[in-house]
Amino acid sequence: MQQCTEMAGMNPMEKKLAEYKCDTNEAISLKLVRFADDLEDESTTFHPEYSHQLYGDDEVAFGYKGLQIQLYYSAGNLSTLFKVKYSARVTEKFDCVEPDDVEGKIREIIPAGFSCNTDDFTSLLEKETNFKPFGTLLHTYNVHNVEEGEDFTYQIHKVDLSCPGFREYHKRLQTFLMWFIETASFIDVDDDRWDFFLVQMLILPPFQGEGHGAQLLEAVHMFYCNLHKVQDITAEDPSENYVKLRDYVLVKLCQTLPSFSTDKLPLGFSDDMATEAREKFKINKKHARRVYEILRLRVTDMSDETKARDYRLEVKKRLFAPTKKNQREMTKMMKCLRPEELASHISQMDTALQQEELEKSYQELLAEYRRVIERLAQA
């Protein structure tokens, strides 16, 4: 309805030009190709979540009708097929309006050596049978595929740039980051420190919802927990989905630690919990506290008013700590404010509003914790 309203307010030329706008998230088609038949199989196609880093905040390409940007990768070596198709393109009769350089934008991020010819790409698939993952095998696990009715085996490998061929492979691999991580940037592989940071973690859409993220994050913790020089494993500016994943993995790891035993959880968060989580699995105190709250909820009878109240106050006390700090800072600042400035800050000290927001935060956290507990029960 909104699009129709906008079109109604346009002059004839504007309406004509609007027909040549394409949503780049829909126009870009991605595939992991195992067999030649996959090229025509729409069920193997997936699309980006983001394309703003190449095509602007509106994620729109101008100048084409029926735009199709195909980026297909062989499932092993990630050999790349890149093609651009469209049913129509703007010409000089539109007052010299130029179409966007959609092809040039893609060429900026994909490394040289890609194919533009389907037959050339198909011939590369024959070599895929000899593909072996780079690096050292860390972990093997099985996932049951409901559609196929059988278990598939997956492997997690650790690799560095000294491995022959991996630098080139990594250049092809990291192009996926632009489509699925909102603020993604390519990793500087020449920085000697990059091996010590969990910079970006991505499970591609065809494999999401199968538990691969949890397997990967747990494998990372299990590998680095044996390295004394590693103090903490964390992620900078984690997404909401990553936080959910981390909650599940860290609780799964810590639930067997003595300090997190059922009889100790009702006694409150302890230094022993923080220390053991750090020493065993490189989990920092902030995340260990969250693990404690989830495990304590699991053993708390929330139908018991006293136990539920004790738990609620324990969690709210932590949630309220930043607010209390802000209040102290506000009190100091008020002594320096002019009357008109003071009036604008009074609303920030509304106690009733603070309590309302605190309760809202608590209920949202409770829902998150219960989802973790439910997933643990299903594991």
Protein backbone atom coordinates (compact mmCIF):
# COMPACT_ATOMS: atom_id res chain seq x y z
CA MET A 1 0.00 0.00 0.00
CA GLN A 2 2.81 2.43 0.89
CA GLN A 3 4.59 1.73 -2.41
CA CYS A 4 1.38 2.38 -4.34
CA THR A 5 0.91 5.70 -2.48
CA GLU A 6 4.47 6.76 -3.25
CA MET A 7 4.07 5.82 -6.92
CA ALA A 8 0.84 7.85 -7.12
CA GLY A 9 2.71 10.99 -6.10
CA MET A 10 5.36 10.63 -8.83
CA ASN A 11 5.45 12.19 -12.26
CA PRO A 12 5.61 9.84 -15.29
CA MET A 13 9.41 9.94 -15.51
CA GLU A 14 9.83 9.21 -11.79
CA LYS A 15 7.45 6.26 -12.08
CA LYS A 16 9.44 4.91 -15.03
CA LEU A 17 12.72 5.23 -13.15
CA ALA A 18 11.24 3.57 -10.04
CA GLU A 19 10.67 0.43 -12.10
CA TYR A 20 14.44 0.14 -12.43
CA LYS A 21 15.12 -0.17 -8.70
CA CYS A 22 15.99 -3.60 -7.27
CA ASP A 23 16.36 -4.86 -3.69
CA THR A 24 19.96 -6.09 -3.66
CA ASN A 25 19.30 -8.60 -0.87
CA GLU A 26 16.78 -10.29 -3.14
CA ALA A 27 18.81 -9.84 -6.31
CA ILE A 28 21.93 -11.53 -4.94
CA SER A 29 21.76 -15.33 -5.02
CA LEU A 30 24.32 -17.43 -3.16
CA LYS A 31 24.95 -21.16 -3.44
CA LEU A 32 27.30 -23.83 -2.17
CA VAL A 33 27.52 -26.18 -5.13
CA ARG A 34 28.38 -29.86 -4.75
CA PHE A 35 27.00 -31.21 -8.03
CA ALA A 36 26.21 -29.66 -11.42
CA ASP A 37 22.48 -30.21 -10.77
CA ASP A 38 22.70 -27.81 -7.80
CA LEU A 39 23.13 -24.90 -10.23
CA GLU A 40 19.48 -25.13 -11.31
CA ASP A 41 18.11 -26.26 -7.95
CA GLU A 42 16.41 -23.28 -6.28
CA SER A 43 16.28 -25.10 -2.95
CA THR A 44 20.06 -24.71 -2.65
CA THR A 45 19.89 -20.92 -3.11
CA PHE A 46 20.14 -18.48 -0.21
CA HIS A 47 20.27 -14.70 -0.01
CA PRO A 48 22.17 -12.09 2.00
CA GLU A 49 20.86 -10.56 5.20
CA TYR A 50 22.82 -7.39 4.45
CA SER A 51 24.20 -5.69 1.36
CA HIS A 52 24.51 -2.09 2.59
CA GLN A 53 28.31 -2.12 2.68
CA LEU A 54 28.33 -2.41 -1.11
CA TYR A 55 25.02 -0.91 -2.16
CA GLY A 56 24.27 1.75 0.45
CA ASP A 57 21.93 1.96 3.43
CA ASP A 58 18.84 1.49 1.25
CA GLU A 59 20.26 -1.77 -0.13
CA VAL A 60 18.93 -0.86 -3.56
CA ALA A 61 20.54 -1.01 -7.02
CA PHE A 62 19.26 1.39 -9.66
CA GLY A 63 19.20 0.92 -13.40
CA TYR A 64 17.94 -2.64 -13.91
CA LYS A 65 14.78 -4.70 -14.18
CA GLY A 66 14.84 -8.33 -13.10
CA LEU A 67 18.35 -8.00 -11.70
CA GLN A 68 20.05 -11.28 -10.75
CA ILE A 69 23.51 -11.32 -9.21
CA GLN A 70 24.75 -14.90 -8.98
CA LEU A 71 27.61 -15.75 -6.62
CA TYR A 72 28.02 -19.50 -6.57
CA TYR A 73 30.80 -21.33 -4.72
CA SER A 74 32.00 -24.90 -4.98
CA ALA A 75 31.31 -26.46 -1.58
CA GLY A 76 34.91 -27.50 -1.00
CA ASN A 77 37.53 -25.16 -2.44
CA LEU A 78 35.05 -22.26 -2.78
CA SER A 79 35.90 -21.80 -6.45
CA THR A 80 33.60 -18.97 -7.52
CA LEU A 81 31.10 -18.40 -10.33
CA PHE A 82 30.04 -14.76 -10.74
CA LYS A 83 27.33 -13.70 -13.21
CA VAL A 84 25.05 -10.68 -13.54
CA LYS A 85 21.75 -10.93 -15.44
CA TYR A 86 18.82 -8.56 -16.00
CA SER A 87 15.79 -8.28 -18.25
CA ALA A 88 16.20 -4.55 -18.96
CA ARG A 89 18.58 -1.68 -18.24
CA VAL A 90 18.19 2.11 -18.32
CA THR A 91 19.51 3.81 -21.43
CA GLU A 92 20.44 7.33 -22.47
CA LYS A 93 16.80 8.19 -23.19
CA PHE A 94 16.34 8.65 -19.41
CA ASP A 95 18.06 12.06 -19.41
CA CYS A 96 21.51 10.46 -19.26
CA VAL A 97 20.79 8.64 -15.98
CA GLU A 98 23.51 6.05 -15.41
CA PRO A 99 22.81 2.58 -13.93
CA ASP A 100 24.68 1.58 -10.79
CA ASP A 101 27.85 -0.40 -11.31
CA VAL A 102 26.55 -3.52 -9.55
CA GLU A 103 29.20 -5.74 -11.10
CA GLY A 104 32.08 -3.48 -10.12
CA LYS A 105 30.97 -3.47 -6.50
CA ILE A 106 31.17 -7.27 -6.34
CA ARG A 107 34.53 -7.35 -8.10
CA GLU A 108 35.90 -5.16 -5.30
CA ILE A 109 35.42 -7.92 -2.72
CA ILE A 110 35.88 -11.24 -4.54
CA PRO A 111 39.47 -12.27 -5.24
CA ALA A 112 40.76 -12.79 -8.76
CA GLY A 113 40.41 -16.19 -10.37
CA PHE A 114 36.62 -16.47 -10.39
CA SER A 115 34.68 -17.86 -13.37
CA CYS A 116 32.07 -15.99 -15.39
CA ASN A 117 31.23 -19.04 -17.50
CA THR A 118 29.02 -21.82 -16.15
CA ASP A 119 30.79 -24.55 -18.14
CA ASP A 120 34.19 -23.49 -16.77
CA PHE A 121 32.81 -23.55 -13.25
CA THR A 122 31.19 -26.97 -13.73
CA SER A 123 34.52 -28.43 -14.84
CA LEU A 124 36.04 -27.30 -11.53
CA LEU A 125 33.46 -29.35 -9.61
CA GLU A 126 35.09 -32.55 -10.83
CA LYS A 127 38.18 -31.70 -8.75
CA GLU A 128 36.08 -31.29 -5.58
CA THR A 129 36.16 -35.03 -4.88
CA ASN A 130 39.79 -34.65 -3.80
CA PHE A 131 39.15 -31.71 -1.47
CA LYS A 132 40.35 -32.04 2.12
CA PRO A 133 39.79 -29.39 4.81
CA PHE A 134 42.80 -27.28 5.72
CA GLY A 135 44.58 -27.54 9.06
CA THR A 136 44.42 -29.87 12.04
CA LEU A 137 41.29 -31.80 13.01
CA LEU A 138 39.99 -30.68 16.41
CA HIS A 139 36.55 -32.23 16.65
CA THR A 140 34.18 -34.58 14.82
CA TYR A 141 30.44 -34.78 15.44
CA ASN A 142 27.24 -36.04 13.83
CA VAL A 143 24.01 -34.20 13.01
CA HIS A 144 20.82 -36.03 12.15
CA ASN A 145 19.28 -34.76 8.93
CA VAL A 146 15.51 -35.20 9.12
CA GLU A 147 14.91 -34.76 5.39
CA GLU A 148 17.52 -37.35 4.42
CA GLY A 149 16.74 -39.60 7.38
CA GLU A 150 20.40 -40.15 8.21
CA ASP A 151 23.29 -38.76 10.23
CA PHE A 152 25.82 -36.46 8.57
CA THR A 153 29.37 -36.20 9.89
CA TYR A 154 31.02 -32.80 10.33
CA GLN A 155 34.55 -31.79 11.29
CA ILE A 156 36.06 -28.70 12.91
CA HIS A 157 39.63 -27.87 11.89
CA LYS A 158 42.10 -25.29 13.18
CA VAL A 159 44.36 -23.73 10.57
CA ASP A 160 46.84 -20.88 10.22
CA LEU A 161 48.34 -19.08 7.26
CA SER A 162 51.38 -21.33 7.12
CA CYS A 163 49.15 -24.04 5.64
CA PRO A 164 49.71 -24.15 1.84
CA GLY A 165 46.76 -22.75 -0.10
CA PHE A 166 44.85 -21.46 2.91
CA ARG A 167 45.59 -17.77 2.39
CA GLU A 168 43.88 -17.88 -1.02
CA TYR A 169 41.03 -20.00 0.36
CA HIS A 170 40.51 -17.52 3.20
CA LYS A 171 40.16 -14.63 0.73
CA ARG A 172 37.29 -16.47 -0.93
CA LEU A 173 35.73 -17.53 2.36
CA GLN A 174 35.59 -14.11 3.99
CA THR A 175 33.45 -12.63 1.20
CA PHE A 176 30.47 -14.23 3.00
CA LEU A 177 31.03 -11.89 5.95
CA MET A 178 29.78 -8.90 3.96
CA TRP A 179 26.39 -10.53 3.44
CA PHE A 180 25.69 -11.83 6.94
CA ILE A 181 27.50 -9.69 9.54
CA GLU A 182 26.16 -6.15 9.67
CA THR A 183 29.42 -4.39 10.57
CA ALA A 184 31.78 -6.93 9.03
CA SER A 185 35.27 -6.09 7.88
CA PHE A 186 37.87 -8.29 6.29
CA ILE A 187 40.50 -9.69 8.63
CA ASP A 188 44.06 -8.45 8.25
CA VAL A 189 45.72 -11.83 7.93
CA ASP A 190 49.16 -10.24 8.02
CA ASP A 191 48.55 -9.11 11.61
CA ASP A 192 50.40 -11.63 13.78
CA ARG A 193 47.80 -11.19 16.55
CA TRP A 194 44.80 -12.36 14.53
CA ASP A 195 45.25 -15.96 15.67
CA PHE A 196 44.42 -14.91 19.23
CA PHE A 197 41.07 -13.25 18.61
CA LEU A 198 37.65 -14.75 17.97
CA VAL A 199 37.01 -11.99 15.47
CA GLN A 200 33.97 -13.21 13.55
CA MET A 201 31.85 -16.32 13.68
CA LEU A 202 29.39 -17.24 10.96
CA ILE A 203 27.25 -20.27 10.22
CA LEU A 204 25.89 -20.03 6.68
CA PRO A 205 22.07 -20.22 6.23
CA PRO A 206 21.96 -23.78 4.78
CA PHE A 207 23.47 -25.06 8.04
CA GLN A 208 21.77 -22.82 10.60
CA GLY A 209 19.54 -24.39 13.24
CA GLU A 210 21.47 -27.67 13.29
CA GLY A 211 23.69 -26.97 16.31
CA HIS A 212 26.91 -26.19 14.42
CA GLY A 213 27.42 -22.86 16.18
CA ALA A 214 27.37 -24.52 19.60
CA GLN A 215 29.78 -27.22 18.44
CA LEU A 216 32.16 -24.61 17.03
CA LEU A 217 32.13 -22.31 20.07
CA GLU A 218 32.59 -25.22 22.46
CA ALA A 219 35.51 -26.50 20.36
CA VAL A 220 37.12 -23.04 20.59
CA HIS A 221 36.82 -23.06 24.39
CA MET A 222 38.11 -26.62 24.70
CA PHE A 223 41.14 -25.83 22.55
CA TYR A 224 42.16 -22.55 24.18
CA CYS A 225 41.43 -23.61 27.77
CA ASN A 226 44.72 -25.54 27.68
CA LEU A 227 46.79 -22.50 26.68
CA HIS A 228 48.08 -20.60 29.72
CA LYS A 229 48.69 -17.39 27.76
CA VAL A 230 44.97 -17.14 26.96
CA GLN A 231 43.13 -15.38 29.79
CA ASP A 232 39.65 -14.93 28.36
CA ILE A 233 37.53 -15.89 25.35
CA THR A 234 35.05 -13.19 24.44
CA ALA A 235 33.48 -11.43 21.45
CA GLU A 236 33.47 -7.72 20.70
CA ASP A 237 29.98 -6.25 20.18
CA PRO A 238 28.24 -9.67 19.99
CA SER A 239 24.92 -10.02 18.20
CA GLU A 240 21.77 -11.10 20.04
CA ASN A 241 21.95 -14.56 18.46
CA TYR A 242 25.58 -14.92 19.49
CA VAL A 243 24.72 -14.07 23.12
CA LYS A 244 22.04 -16.78 23.10
CA LEU A 245 24.54 -19.26 21.68
CA ARG A 246 27.21 -18.28 24.20
CA ASP A 247 24.77 -18.66 27.10
CA TYR A 248 23.97 -22.20 26.04
CA VAL A 249 27.58 -23.26 25.49
CA LEU A 250 28.96 -21.73 28.69
CA VAL A 251 26.18 -23.18 30.84
CA LYS A 252 26.72 -26.58 29.21
CA LEU A 253 30.42 -26.39 30.09
CA CYS A 254 30.02 -25.08 33.64
CA GLN A 255 27.13 -27.24 34.82
CA THR A 256 29.53 -30.06 35.71
CA LEU A 257 31.95 -27.88 37.70
CA PRO A 258 31.94 -28.48 41.49
CA SER A 259 31.48 -24.79 42.32
CA PHE A 260 28.25 -24.74 40.28
CA SER A 261 26.77 -27.81 41.98
CA THR A 262 23.07 -27.80 42.86
CA ASP A 263 23.68 -27.40 46.59
CA LYS A 264 25.90 -24.33 46.10
CA LEU A 265 23.74 -22.40 43.64
CA PRO A 266 21.18 -21.16 46.24
CA LEU A 267 24.06 -19.69 48.29
CA GLY A 268 24.75 -17.02 45.68
CA PHE A 269 27.45 -16.23 43.17
CA SER A 270 30.88 -16.93 44.66
CA ASP A 271 34.53 -16.21 43.99
CA ASP A 272 34.99 -19.97 43.57
CA MET A 273 32.56 -19.94 40.66
CA ALA A 274 34.37 -17.05 38.96
CA THR A 275 37.77 -18.64 39.53
CA GLU A 276 36.85 -22.14 38.38
CA ALA A 277 35.05 -20.87 35.26
CA ARG A 278 38.09 -18.79 34.34
CA GLU A 279 40.68 -21.49 35.03
CA LYS A 280 38.78 -24.35 33.41
CA PHE A 281 37.20 -22.70 30.37
CA LYS A 282 38.61 -19.13 30.08
CA ILE A 283 35.22 -17.62 31.01
CA ASN A 284 35.35 -14.12 32.48
CA LYS A 285 33.56 -13.09 35.67
CA LYS A 286 30.72 -11.28 33.91
CA HIS A 287 29.82 -14.33 31.84
CA ALA A 288 30.31 -16.68 34.81
CA ARG A 289 27.77 -14.63 36.74
CA ARG A 290 25.26 -15.05 33.92
CA VAL A 291 25.93 -18.80 33.89
CA TYR A 292 25.26 -18.90 37.63
CA GLU A 293 21.93 -17.11 37.22
CA ILE A 294 20.78 -19.54 34.53
CA LEU A 295 21.78 -22.61 36.54
CA ARG A 296 20.23 -21.22 39.71
CA LEU A 297 16.96 -20.60 37.85
CA ARG A 298 17.02 -24.22 36.68
CA VAL A 299 17.12 -25.51 40.28
CA THR A 300 14.74 -22.90 41.73
CA ASP A 301 11.09 -23.75 42.32
CA MET A 302 9.55 -20.53 41.02
CA SER A 303 6.13 -21.56 42.34
CA ASP A 304 7.57 -21.15 45.84
CA GLU A 305 7.07 -17.44 46.61
CA THR A 306 10.06 -17.21 48.94
CA LYS A 307 12.49 -18.93 46.57
CA ALA A 308 11.17 -16.97 43.59
CA ARG A 309 11.54 -13.70 45.53
CA ASP A 310 15.10 -14.54 46.58
CA TYR A 311 16.05 -15.31 42.99
CA ARG A 312 14.35 -12.19 41.65
CA LEU A 313 16.11 -9.92 44.14
CA GLU A 314 19.47 -11.56 43.41
CA VAL A 315 19.17 -10.90 39.69
CA LYS A 316 17.65 -7.43 40.04
CA LYS A 317 20.44 -6.38 42.39
CA ARG A 318 22.93 -7.02 39.59
CA LEU A 319 20.72 -5.35 36.98
CA PHE A 320 20.25 -2.30 39.20
CA ALA A 321 23.96 -1.77 39.89
CA PRO A 322 24.64 0.31 36.73
CA THR A 323 21.51 2.42 37.42
CA LYS A 324 22.66 3.08 40.98
CA LYS A 325 26.05 4.19 39.69
CA ASN A 326 24.37 6.54 37.22
CA GLN A 327 22.32 8.02 40.06
CA ARG A 328 25.48 8.86 42.03
CA GLU A 329 27.01 10.48 38.98
CA MET A 330 23.79 12.41 38.36
CA THR A 331 23.77 13.73 41.92
CA LYS A 332 27.29 15.07 41.50
CA MET A 333 26.46 16.59 38.14
CA MET A 334 23.30 18.31 39.46
CA LYS A 335 25.38 20.52 41.73
CA CYS A 336 26.91 22.07 38.62
CA LEU A 337 23.75 22.43 36.51
CA ARG A 338 21.82 25.61 35.80
CA PRO A 339 18.01 25.49 36.55
CA GLU A 340 17.02 24.88 32.92
CA GLU A 341 19.59 22.07 32.64
CA LEU A 342 18.43 20.57 35.91
CA ALA A 343 14.83 20.42 34.69
CA SER A 344 15.82 18.43 31.62
CA HIS A 345 17.55 15.80 33.77
CA ILE A 346 14.90 15.39 36.47
CA SER A 347 12.98 12.87 34.36
CA GLN A 348 16.00 10.60 34.39
CA MET A 349 15.64 10.18 38.15
CA ASP A 350 12.02 9.05 38.16
CA THR A 351 12.09 6.16 40.63
CA ALA A 352 8.81 4.64 39.47
CA LEU A 353 10.04 4.60 35.90
CA GLN A 354 13.31 2.99 36.98
CA GLN A 355 11.42 0.24 38.78
CA GLU A 356 9.26 -0.32 35.73
CA GLU A 357 12.29 -0.61 33.46
CA LEU A 358 14.03 -2.88 35.96
CA GLU A 359 11.06 -5.25 36.05
CA LYS A 360 10.90 -5.24 32.25
CA SER A 361 14.60 -6.10 32.01
CA TYR A 362 14.19 -8.86 34.56
CA GLN A 363 11.27 -10.47 32.71
CA GLU A 364 13.13 -10.32 29.39
CA LEU A 365 16.18 -11.91 31.01
CA LEU A 366 14.02 -14.61 32.57
CA ALA A 367 12.63 -15.50 29.14
CA GLU A 368 16.16 -15.72 27.70
CA TYR A 369 17.32 -17.94 30.57
CA ARG A 370 14.35 -20.27 30.19
CA ARG A 371 15.12 -20.75 26.50
CA VAL A 372 18.64 -21.82 27.44
CA ILE A 373 17.33 -24.23 30.06
CA GLU A 374 14.86 -25.69 27.57
CA ARG A 375 17.62 -26.23 25.00
CA LEU A 376 19.79 -27.93 27.62
CA ALA A 377 16.94 -30.30 28.42
CA GLN A 378 16.68 -31.23 24.74
CA ALA A 379 20.41 -31.78 24.25
